[in-house]
């Protein structure tokens, strides 16, 4: 599972506030590209961490039902098949995060957030 500790999430929020404060700096024009990049990157990290938490909680619960329970597979075959596709997509998203190792590299990929929202 991919997650961010509470201390690191607090630090992320502090850095977002610092970057937002830089937009009112008189030196904005000099560093505008970098400030805009960091604003978008930190925002993406925050959004994806929150979405990942929600998806992983739901997915881990549903995985036990639809993948590991033969009774549920028999009672709800269509839903079980649908969940197998969701399971593959979630594992793809999570394995990509594991491969990237750095939150900024992972979270700034344009497909990650829409992928999480679709599952």
Protein backbone atom coordinates (compact mmCIF):
# COMPACT_ATOMS: atom_id res chain seq x y z
CA UNK A 1 0.00 0.00 0.00
CA UNK A 2 1.11 3.52 -0.72
CA UNK A 3 0.56 6.14 1.95
CA UNK A 4 2.00 9.27 3.51
CA UNK A 5 2.60 9.54 7.23
CA UNK A 6 0.68 12.19 9.13
CA UNK A 7 3.89 14.16 9.75
CA UNK A 8 4.77 14.09 6.07
CA UNK A 9 1.22 15.09 5.10
CA UNK A 10 1.45 18.05 7.52
CA UNK A 11 4.79 18.98 5.95
CA UNK A 12 3.22 18.76 2.50
CA UNK A 13 0.48 21.18 3.56
CA UNK A 14 3.07 23.57 5.02
CA UNK A 15 5.03 23.53 1.77
CA UNK A 16 1.84 24.17 -0.21
CA UNK A 17 1.15 27.22 1.97
CA UNK A 18 4.73 28.45 1.48
CA UNK A 19 4.48 28.10 -2.28
CA UNK A 20 1.11 29.87 -2.32
CA UNK A 21 2.64 32.72 -0.33
CA UNK A 22 5.34 33.06 -2.98
CA UNK A 23 2.71 34.16 -5.49
CA UNK A 24 2.46 37.46 -3.63
CA UNK A 25 6.22 38.01 -3.64
CA UNK A 26 7.69 40.92 -5.57
CA UNK A 27 10.15 38.41 -7.07
CA UNK A 28 7.38 36.33 -8.61
CA UNK A 29 8.26 37.25 -12.18
CA UNK A 30 11.80 35.93 -11.71
CA UNK A 31 10.70 32.57 -10.33
CA UNK A 32 7.17 32.27 -11.71
CA UNK A 33 7.80 29.10 -13.71
CA UNK A 34 9.35 27.29 -10.74
CA UNK A 35 6.68 28.51 -8.32
CA UNK A 36 3.90 27.45 -10.70
CA UNK A 37 5.53 24.03 -11.17
CA UNK A 38 5.82 23.44 -7.42
CA UNK A 39 2.29 24.66 -6.83
CA UNK A 40 0.91 22.16 -9.34
CA UNK A 41 3.21 19.34 -8.21
CA UNK A 42 2.42 19.71 -4.51
CA UNK A 43 -1.30 20.01 -5.29
CA UNK A 44 -1.13 16.82 -7.37
CA UNK A 45 0.65 14.98 -4.57
CA UNK A 46 -1.97 16.07 -2.06
CA UNK A 47 -4.89 15.08 -4.31
CA UNK A 48 -3.41 11.72 -5.19
CA UNK A 49 -2.48 10.83 -1.61
CA UNK A 50 -6.06 11.49 -0.52
CA UNK A 51 -7.51 9.57 -3.48
CA UNK A 52 -5.08 6.68 -2.93
CA UNK A 53 -6.15 6.39 0.70
CA UNK A 54 -9.81 6.15 -0.27
CA UNK A 55 -9.21 3.70 -3.12
CA UNK A 56 -6.91 1.46 -1.09
CA UNK A 57 -9.35 1.27 1.83
CA UNK A 58 -12.24 0.30 -0.43
CA UNK A 59 -10.17 -1.96 -2.64
CA UNK A 60 -8.63 -3.96 0.24
CA UNK A 61 -12.10 -4.59 1.69
CA UNK A 62 -13.65 -5.53 -1.66
CA UNK A 63 -10.68 -7.66 -2.67
CA UNK A 64 -11.39 -10.02 0.22
CA UNK A 65 -15.00 -10.31 -0.90
CA UNK A 66 -14.72 -10.62 -4.65
CA UNK A 67 -11.35 -12.33 -5.07
CA UNK A 68 -10.94 -14.52 -2.00
CA UNK A 69 -14.52 -15.58 -1.31
CA UNK A 70 -15.82 -18.41 -3.46
CA UNK A 71 -19.33 -17.88 -2.06
CA UNK A 72 -19.45 -14.26 -3.23
CA UNK A 73 -18.11 -15.28 -6.66
CA UNK A 74 -20.99 -17.75 -7.00
CA UNK A 75 -23.65 -15.34 -5.72
CA UNK A 76 -22.44 -12.27 -7.63
CA UNK A 77 -20.60 -13.49 -10.75
CA UNK A 78 -21.03 -10.30 -12.82
CA UNK A 79 -19.86 -8.06 -10.00
CA UNK A 80 -16.93 -10.40 -9.33
CA UNK A 81 -15.86 -10.19 -12.98
CA UNK A 82 -16.16 -6.41 -12.90
CA UNK A 83 -14.06 -6.26 -9.76
CA UNK A 84 -11.32 -8.36 -11.38
CA UNK A 85 -10.86 -5.52 -13.89
CA UNK A 86 -10.82 -2.96 -11.10
CA UNK A 87 -8.34 -5.10 -9.19
CA UNK A 88 -5.97 -5.16 -12.18
CA UNK A 89 -6.23 -1.39 -12.61
CA UNK A 90 -5.58 -0.68 -8.92
CA UNK A 91 -2.58 -3.01 -8.92
CA UNK A 92 -1.25 -1.27 -12.04
CA UNK A 93 -1.58 2.14 -10.38
CA UNK A 94 0.02 0.95 -7.14
CA UNK A 95 2.88 -0.88 -8.84
CA UNK A 96 3.66 2.23 -10.88
CA UNK A 97 3.91 4.21 -7.64
CA UNK A 98 6.24 1.59 -6.21
CA UNK A 99 8.41 1.69 -9.34
CA UNK A 100 8.66 5.49 -9.38
CA UNK A 101 9.83 5.66 -5.74
CA UNK A 102 9.44 9.48 -5.62
CA UNK A 103 6.06 11.01 -4.95
CA UNK A 104 6.68 13.91 -7.30
CA UNK A 105 7.57 11.59 -10.21
CA UNK A 106 4.51 9.44 -9.55
CA UNK A 107 1.94 12.13 -8.83
CA UNK A 108 2.80 14.42 -11.72
CA UNK A 109 1.89 11.75 -14.28
CA UNK A 110 -1.33 12.91 -15.90
CA UNK A 111 -3.01 9.48 -15.93
CA UNK A 112 -2.73 8.64 -12.20
CA UNK A 113 -5.50 10.83 -10.74
CA UNK A 114 -8.04 10.05 -13.49
CA UNK A 115 -7.18 6.35 -13.06
CA UNK A 116 -7.87 6.55 -9.34
CA UNK A 117 -11.11 8.42 -9.91
CA UNK A 118 -12.29 5.77 -12.40
CA UNK A 119 -11.75 2.84 -10.05
